[in-house]
Amino acid sequence: MPLNNHQRRQLKGMAHPLKPFIIVGQKGLTQGVLDEIDVALDTHELIKVRINAGDRTQRRDMIETILRNSGSEEVQSIGHVVVIYLRHPKKPKIRLVKS
């Protein structure tokens, strides 16, 4: 389910006060980190992830890997922080606007 502009704006507003749940450190994007992202998305649906990669291309590759592995969508990416969203399949907590 791709997010439309109104939904993306709604999620950005909800994510603004959040602190990063997951921090990708020196060891990079390990399976353990990907598992933690899955757990956090299952619990919260909307999370911030801080990626401490110096290179912009490397950071973008990590974001793409996270999105692909988790099935989530990117809401916003600013600097080293990316906001991602994955609707819970059974009990969604966040009600998104339709249009």
Protein backbone atom coordinates (compact mmCIF):
# COMPACT_ATOMS: atom_id res chain seq x y z
CA MET A 1 0.00 0.00 0.00
CA PRO A 2 1.89 3.08 -1.16
CA LEU A 3 1.45 6.17 0.98
CA ASN A 4 -0.11 9.25 -0.59
CA ASN A 5 1.06 12.79 0.18
CA HIS A 6 -1.59 13.40 2.86
CA GLN A 7 -0.70 10.18 4.68
CA ARG A 8 3.02 10.93 4.44
CA ARG A 9 2.42 14.40 5.90
CA GLN A 10 0.33 12.90 8.72
CA LEU A 11 3.06 10.38 9.56
CA LYS A 12 5.79 13.05 9.45
CA GLY A 13 3.87 15.03 12.06
CA MET A 14 3.46 11.95 14.24
CA ALA A 15 7.15 11.06 13.91
CA HIS A 16 8.48 14.52 14.74
CA PRO A 17 8.64 14.04 18.55
CA LEU A 18 9.93 10.45 18.32
CA LYS A 19 13.49 9.51 19.23
CA PRO A 20 15.33 6.96 17.06
CA PHE A 21 14.35 3.44 18.15
CA ILE A 22 17.20 1.71 16.37
CA ILE A 23 20.73 2.96 15.81
CA VAL A 24 22.83 1.30 13.11
CA GLY A 25 26.39 1.58 14.41
CA GLN A 26 29.90 0.61 13.41
CA LYS A 27 29.06 -3.00 12.59
CA GLY A 28 26.56 -1.85 10.01
CA LEU A 29 23.28 -3.46 9.12
CA THR A 30 23.43 -6.92 10.72
CA GLN A 31 20.68 -9.52 10.88
CA GLY A 32 20.22 -8.62 14.55
CA VAL A 33 19.54 -5.00 13.64
CA LEU A 34 17.06 -6.05 10.93
CA ASP A 35 15.30 -8.30 13.47
CA GLU A 36 15.03 -5.43 15.96
CA ILE A 37 13.55 -3.19 13.25
CA ASP A 38 10.93 -5.86 12.54
CA VAL A 39 10.02 -6.09 16.24
CA ALA A 40 9.84 -2.30 16.60
CA LEU A 41 7.64 -1.96 13.51
CA ASP A 42 5.35 -4.74 14.72
CA THR A 43 4.97 -2.96 18.05
CA HIS A 44 4.84 0.70 17.00
CA GLU A 45 4.21 0.81 13.21
CA LEU A 46 6.08 4.12 12.92
CA ILE A 47 9.74 4.34 13.95
CA LYS A 48 12.88 6.40 13.46
CA VAL A 49 16.17 4.70 12.62
CA ARG A 50 19.52 6.46 12.91
CA ILE A 51 22.11 5.22 10.43
CA ASN A 52 25.67 6.17 11.35
CA ALA A 53 27.23 5.71 7.93
CA GLY A 54 29.52 8.47 6.75
CA ASP A 55 28.92 7.98 3.06
CA ARG A 56 25.57 9.13 1.64
CA THR A 57 25.47 6.30 -0.90
CA GLN A 58 26.16 3.71 1.76
CA ARG A 59 23.42 5.22 3.95
CA ARG A 60 20.93 5.10 1.04
CA ASP A 61 21.82 1.45 0.37
CA MET A 62 21.19 0.61 4.03
CA ILE A 63 17.80 2.36 3.91
CA GLU A 64 16.83 0.41 0.80
CA THR A 65 17.87 -2.85 2.50
CA ILE A 66 15.79 -2.01 5.58
CA LEU A 67 12.73 -1.19 3.46
CA ARG A 68 13.09 -4.32 1.35
CA ASN A 69 13.63 -6.68 4.31
CA SER A 70 10.91 -5.22 6.54
CA GLY A 71 8.32 -4.50 3.84
CA SER A 72 7.99 -0.99 5.25
CA GLU A 73 7.72 2.36 3.50
CA GLU A 74 9.96 5.35 3.87
CA VAL A 75 8.11 8.35 5.25
CA GLN A 76 11.03 10.76 5.45
CA SER A 77 14.80 10.79 5.43
CA ILE A 78 16.80 13.70 6.83
CA GLY A 79 20.53 13.37 7.30
CA HIS A 80 21.29 10.21 9.24
CA VAL A 81 17.69 9.60 10.37
CA VAL A 82 15.01 7.78 8.41
CA VAL A 83 11.36 7.45 9.42
CA ILE A 84 9.69 4.22 8.32
CA TYR A 85 6.13 2.94 8.56
CA LEU A 86 4.59 -0.51 8.34
CA ARG A 87 0.88 -0.97 9.00
CA HIS A 88 0.20 -3.80 11.43
CA PRO A 89 -1.69 -6.49 9.46
CA LYS A 90 -4.14 -7.42 12.24
CA LYS A 91 -4.34 -4.55 14.71
CA PRO A 92 -3.33 -1.22 13.16
CA LYS A 93 -2.64 1.47 15.75
CA ILE A 94 -2.37 4.41 13.37
CA ARG A 95 -5.41 5.48 11.38
CA LEU A 96 -4.30 7.11 8.17
CA VAL A 97 -6.35 9.72 6.30
CA LYS A 98 -7.80 8.48 3.02
CA SER A 99 -6.98 11.44 0.77
